[in-house]
Protein backbone atom coordinates (compact mmCIF):
# COMPACT_ATOMS: atom_id res chain seq x y z
CA MET A 1 89.10 192.99 130.37
CA GLN A 2 90.10 192.77 134.02
CA ASN A 3 86.63 193.94 135.10
CA ILE A 4 85.02 191.28 132.98
CA GLY A 5 87.33 188.65 134.47
CA HIS A 6 86.56 189.81 138.00
CA ARG A 7 82.83 189.61 137.25
CA TYR A 8 83.08 185.98 136.09
CA ILE A 9 85.13 185.06 139.11
CA ASP A 10 82.62 186.81 141.35
CA VAL A 11 79.71 184.90 139.75
CA ILE A 12 81.50 181.56 140.17
CA TYR A 13 82.33 182.41 143.78
CA ARG A 14 78.71 183.28 144.58
CA VAL A 15 77.48 180.04 142.96
CA LEU A 16 79.98 177.96 144.95
CA GLU A 17 79.10 179.85 148.11
CA SER A 18 75.40 179.19 147.47
CA TRP A 19 76.09 175.50 146.96
CA TYR A 20 78.13 175.39 150.15
CA MET A 21 75.35 177.05 152.15
CA ARG A 22 72.77 174.64 150.79
CA PHE A 23 75.01 171.68 151.55
CA ALA A 24 75.56 173.00 155.07
CA GLU A 25 71.80 173.32 155.55
CA LEU A 26 71.23 169.83 154.12
CA THR A 27 74.01 168.11 156.07
CA PRO A 28 71.94 167.37 159.22
CA LYS A 29 69.15 165.89 157.07
CA LEU A 30 71.67 163.81 155.13
CA ILE A 31 73.17 162.48 158.35
CA VAL A 32 69.75 161.61 159.80
CA GLY A 33 68.62 160.02 156.53
CA ILE A 34 71.77 157.90 156.30
CA LEU A 35 71.33 156.82 159.93
CA VAL A 36 67.71 155.84 159.30
CA PHE A 37 68.65 153.87 156.18
CA SER A 38 71.48 152.17 158.08
CA PHE A 39 69.05 151.23 160.84
CA PHE A 40 66.69 149.52 158.36
CA LEU A 41 69.65 147.89 156.60
CA ILE A 42 71.01 146.39 159.85
CA THR A 43 67.69 145.43 161.41
CA SER A 44 65.91 144.25 158.23
CA LYS A 45 66.98 140.65 158.89
CA TYR A 46 65.50 140.63 162.39
CA LEU A 47 62.41 142.61 161.36
CA SER A 48 61.75 140.16 158.51
CA LEU A 49 62.07 137.20 160.89
CA GLY A 50 59.54 138.87 163.19
CA ALA A 51 57.21 139.51 160.26
CA VAL A 52 57.44 135.86 159.18
CA LYS A 53 56.61 134.67 162.71
CA LEU A 54 53.61 136.99 162.78
CA PHE A 55 52.53 135.74 159.34
CA HIS A 56 52.76 132.12 160.48
CA LYS A 57 50.74 132.98 163.57
CA PHE A 58 47.80 134.14 161.44
CA PHE A 59 48.32 131.43 158.77
CA PRO A 60 49.55 128.34 160.65
CA LYS A 61 48.99 126.00 157.68
CA SER A 62 51.69 127.80 155.71
CA GLN A 63 54.29 127.16 158.41
CA LYS A 64 56.73 124.98 156.52
CA GLU A 65 60.45 125.12 157.02
CA SER A 66 61.13 124.95 153.29
CA SER A 67 59.20 128.19 152.67
CA LEU A 68 60.98 130.15 155.42
CA VAL A 69 63.83 131.44 153.22
CA THR A 70 61.42 132.69 150.54
CA LEU A 71 59.21 134.51 153.05
CA ILE A 72 62.18 136.12 154.80
CA SER A 73 63.49 137.40 151.45
CA ILE A 74 60.11 138.89 150.53
CA PHE A 75 59.62 140.65 153.87
CA ARG A 76 63.23 141.85 153.97
CA PHE A 77 62.84 143.41 150.52
CA LEU A 78 59.63 145.18 151.59
CA ILE A 79 61.27 146.47 154.79
CA MET A 80 64.29 147.78 152.85
CA MET A 81 61.99 149.57 150.39
CA MET A 82 60.13 151.20 153.28
CA GLY A 83 63.42 152.29 154.87
CA THR A 84 64.64 153.75 151.57
CA PHE A 85 61.51 155.88 151.10
CA ILE A 86 61.62 157.12 154.72
CA ALA A 87 65.30 158.06 154.39
CA LEU A 88 64.69 159.94 151.11
CA GLU A 89 61.75 161.77 152.68
CA ILE A 90 63.95 162.93 155.60
CA MET A 91 66.70 164.11 153.23
CA GLY A 92 64.17 165.98 151.09
CA PHE A 93 64.72 163.90 147.96
CA SER A 94 61.30 162.25 147.89
CA GLY A 95 59.90 164.88 145.48
CA PHE A 96 62.68 164.17 143.00
CA LEU A 97 62.11 160.42 143.41
CA TRP A 98 58.37 160.67 142.69
CA LYS A 99 59.03 162.87 139.64
CA PHE A 100 61.51 160.31 138.39
CA ILE A 101 59.03 157.48 138.97
CA GLY A 102 56.33 159.51 137.22
CA SER A 103 58.59 160.06 134.22
CA LEU A 104 58.94 156.29 133.97
CA GLY A 105 55.16 155.79 133.96
CA VAL A 106 54.76 155.36 130.21
CA ALA A 107 57.82 153.15 129.97
CA GLY A 108 56.54 151.16 132.94
CA VAL A 109 53.18 150.54 131.24
CA ILE A 110 54.91 149.37 128.06
CA ALA A 111 57.32 147.16 130.00
CA GLY A 112 54.46 145.83 132.11
CA VAL A 113 52.52 144.72 129.06
CA ALA A 114 55.60 143.25 127.39
CA LEU A 115 56.78 141.42 130.51
CA LYS A 116 53.34 140.47 131.84
CA ASP A 117 53.83 136.73 131.39
CA LEU A 118 57.39 136.88 132.73
CA VAL A 119 56.38 138.76 135.87
CA SER A 120 53.35 136.49 136.32
CA SER A 121 55.59 133.39 136.16
CA ILE A 122 58.02 134.89 138.69
CA PHE A 123 55.26 135.67 141.21
CA SER A 124 53.64 132.30 140.54
CA GLY A 125 56.98 130.63 141.29
CA MET A 126 57.19 132.51 144.59
CA LEU A 127 53.64 131.47 145.50
CA ILE A 128 54.36 127.84 144.57
CA GLY A 129 57.40 127.96 146.84
CA ILE A 130 55.28 129.32 149.70
CA ASP A 131 52.31 126.99 149.21
CA LYS A 132 54.41 123.84 148.65
CA ALA A 133 51.62 121.92 146.90
CA PHE A 134 54.38 119.68 145.58
CA LYS A 135 58.11 119.27 146.08
CA ILE A 136 61.11 117.89 144.25
CA GLY A 137 60.68 114.14 143.73
CA ASP A 138 56.85 114.21 143.64
CA TYR A 139 55.03 112.65 140.71
CA ILE A 140 52.54 115.21 139.34
CA THR A 141 50.17 115.68 136.42
CA ILE A 142 49.84 119.14 134.83
CA GLY A 143 47.49 119.21 131.86
CA ALA A 144 48.78 116.68 129.34
CA HIS A 145 52.13 116.31 131.11
CA SER A 146 52.92 113.78 133.84
CA GLY A 147 56.27 113.19 135.46
CA THR A 148 58.58 113.55 138.45
CA VAL A 149 59.45 117.05 139.64
CA GLN A 150 63.16 117.72 139.16
CA GLU A 151 63.40 121.44 139.94
CA ILE A 152 61.10 124.30 140.96
CA GLY A 153 62.47 127.57 139.59
CA PHE A 154 61.28 131.17 139.53
CA LEU A 155 60.10 130.93 135.91
CA THR A 156 59.49 127.25 135.23
CA THR A 157 59.00 123.93 136.97
CA LYS A 158 61.02 121.13 135.41
CA ILE A 159 59.65 117.58 135.38
CA ILE A 160 60.98 114.30 133.97
CA THR A 161 58.19 112.64 132.00
CA ASP A 162 57.55 108.90 131.91
CA ASP A 163 59.50 108.57 128.65
CA GLY A 164 62.54 110.35 130.11
CA LYS A 165 62.03 113.77 128.53
CA LYS A 166 62.58 116.96 130.51
CA ALA A 167 59.49 119.19 130.33
CA TYR A 168 59.61 122.87 131.29
CA ILE A 169 56.22 124.01 132.61
CA PRO A 170 55.76 127.81 133.11
CA ASN A 171 54.82 128.54 136.71
CA GLN A 172 52.02 130.76 135.47
CA VAL A 173 50.36 127.69 133.89
CA ILE A 174 50.68 125.69 137.11
CA PHE A 175 49.27 128.43 139.32
CA ASN A 176 46.32 129.20 137.02
CA ALA A 177 45.21 125.64 136.23
CA PRO A 178 44.35 122.48 138.21
CA PHE A 179 47.10 119.93 138.67
CA TYR A 180 47.41 116.60 140.47
CA ASN A 181 50.04 115.55 142.99
CA ILE A 182 49.99 111.77 142.70
CA THR A 183 52.69 111.30 145.35
CA ALA A 184 50.53 113.10 147.93
CA SER A 185 48.49 109.90 148.19
CA PRO A 186 50.21 106.79 149.58
CA GLN A 187 48.63 104.73 146.78
CA ARG A 188 48.06 105.27 143.09
CA ARG A 189 45.02 104.26 141.09
CA ILE A 190 45.68 103.29 137.50
CA ILE A 191 43.01 103.60 134.82
CA LEU A 192 43.46 101.86 131.46
CA ASN A 193 41.13 102.57 128.52
CA PHE A 194 40.54 100.02 125.76
CA GLU A 195 38.43 99.86 122.58
CA ILE A 196 36.76 96.60 121.53
CA PRO A 197 34.50 96.15 118.49
CA ALA A 198 30.81 95.97 119.41
CA ASP A 199 30.35 92.64 117.61
CA GLU A 200 32.74 90.90 120.03
CA ASP A 201 31.64 89.16 123.25
CA ILE A 202 31.90 92.24 125.47
CA SER A 203 30.81 90.49 128.68
CA LYS A 204 33.46 87.83 128.15
CA ALA A 205 36.07 90.51 127.52
CA GLN A 206 35.04 92.37 130.68
CA LYS A 207 35.30 89.23 132.82
CA GLY A 208 38.65 88.21 131.30
CA MET A 209 40.20 91.63 131.86
CA LEU A 210 38.99 91.70 135.47
CA ASP A 211 40.45 88.23 136.12
CA VAL A 212 43.81 89.36 134.73
CA ILE A 213 43.89 92.48 136.91
CA LYS A 214 43.10 90.53 140.08
CA SER A 215 45.88 88.04 139.28
CA LEU A 216 48.62 90.69 139.18
CA ASP A 217 50.95 90.56 142.20
CA THR A 218 51.34 94.33 142.68
CA VAL A 219 47.61 95.15 142.55
CA ASP A 220 46.12 96.15 145.91
CA ARG A 221 42.54 96.29 147.24
CA LEU A 222 41.34 93.65 144.78
CA ASP A 223 37.70 94.07 145.81
CA THR A 224 37.72 97.61 144.36
CA SER A 225 39.15 96.58 140.97
CA GLU A 226 36.66 96.95 138.15
CA VAL A 227 36.20 96.95 134.39
CA ILE A 228 33.30 99.12 133.19
CA PHE A 229 31.82 100.32 129.90
CA THR A 230 32.19 104.06 129.39
CA ASP A 231 31.07 104.73 125.83
CA LEU A 232 30.06 103.32 122.45
CA LYS A 233 31.42 105.19 119.43
CA GLN A 234 31.68 104.21 115.76
CA GLY A 235 30.94 100.57 116.47
CA ASN A 236 33.51 100.25 119.28
CA PHE A 237 32.90 99.75 122.99
CA ASN A 238 35.15 101.73 125.35
CA LEU A 239 36.14 99.66 128.36
CA GLN A 240 37.85 101.18 131.37
CA ALA A 241 39.90 99.07 133.77
CA LYS A 242 40.52 100.58 137.22
CA PHE A 243 42.75 99.18 139.94
CA TRP A 244 44.99 100.27 142.83
CA MET A 245 48.75 99.77 142.83
CA LYS A 246 50.55 98.60 145.97
CA VAL A 247 52.69 101.18 147.76
CA GLY A 248 56.28 101.01 146.49
CA ALA A 249 55.42 99.03 143.35
CA ASN A 250 56.98 99.96 140.01
CA MET A 251 54.28 101.77 138.04
CA VAL A 252 55.89 101.31 134.61
CA GLN A 253 56.36 97.57 135.09
CA LEU A 254 52.80 97.15 136.37
CA LYS A 255 51.33 98.95 133.34
CA SER A 256 53.46 96.87 131.00
CA GLU A 257 52.50 93.63 132.72
CA ALA A 258 48.81 94.56 132.76
CA TYR A 259 48.78 95.38 129.04
CA LEU A 260 50.67 92.23 128.08
CA LYS A 261 48.50 89.83 130.11
CA ILE A 262 45.23 91.51 129.10
CA LYS A 263 46.27 91.22 125.44
CA GLU A 264 47.18 87.53 125.92
CA ARG A 265 43.84 86.83 127.65
CA LEU A 266 41.83 88.55 124.91
CA ASP A 267 43.74 86.67 122.22
CA ALA A 268 43.08 83.40 124.04
CA ASP A 269 39.36 84.25 124.17
CA ASN A 270 39.41 85.17 120.44
CA ILE A 271 38.43 88.78 121.21
CA GLN A 272 39.79 91.50 118.98
CA LEU A 273 41.32 94.53 120.64
CA VAL A 274 41.19 97.76 118.66
CA THR A 275 43.77 99.76 120.60
CA PRO A 276 44.54 101.02 124.11
CA THR A 277 43.51 104.67 123.90
CA SER A 278 44.91 106.20 127.08
CA ILE A 279 46.34 105.72 130.55
CA SER A 280 45.41 107.71 133.65
CA ILE A 281 47.05 107.66 137.06
CA THR A 282 45.15 109.21 139.94
CA ASN A 283 45.15 109.30 143.71
CA GLY A 284 41.52 108.33 143.89
CA GLU A 285 39.95 111.64 142.82
CA THR A 286 37.38 111.63 140.03
CA SER A 287 38.92 112.53 136.68
CA PRO A 288 37.29 115.03 134.28
CA ALA A 289 36.50 112.20 131.85
CA GLU A 290 34.62 110.34 134.56
CA ASN A 291 32.65 113.47 135.41
CA GLN A 292 31.61 113.82 131.79
CA ASP A 293 30.52 110.20 131.66
CA LYS A 294 28.35 110.81 134.73
């Protein structure tokens, strides 16, 4: 029994001795690896600032103070990742790391497919923050939604619509589709669409609507105001009234006033109005509907 006990003790001793020798051999690499990682950890802030300055040198149009924090964070993360891999390579753990990453390959593919939209929205949010096509307080139009930007997050952009609702627009949708920044232009062009039965006096209606628009106090550039025919469907003429709003004017009040006075003028001229079909607000660019009409 004593011999068996001595054998077990001898085996344990040799294993511990082997571990000690390996640790002693690995100690210099561990020290160097930790020093390298510490160097990247301490200098990552300054290296990221240098990388941002170099980036702005090649892309001067992206040099906006509001995007500086986002860029620094991105470059600092990349620098820290590079320092981590270098330190693991020095310590001899890179092989284990790559095997571990390889073992996560299948799970990574599954997670990538499941989180595709989430990851896409996150990266889109970062790109929106860098590009700064719009900012908080801007009035924008994204698809069927128009409103004032309240917050730009990593996953969604929150806007307050004209009727006071809070809309959450996924950043992926914004980055992959056209949108309009109405505030980017100092003036706004309002387009009102009306339907009038074809048996009414259309020319009289056109002239009356144009007179009303030119009489409004907050309408600017009166010589460019116009009322045009865009379509004839199911016995109804589609009329489109276009006019510019003065800078600083209240858009909601102007639309309300324009609708009310146009309705009063048409009633006075004994012209029946079917219904106002839509409202568009642009910064002077041609809308898709106008392109189709052309």
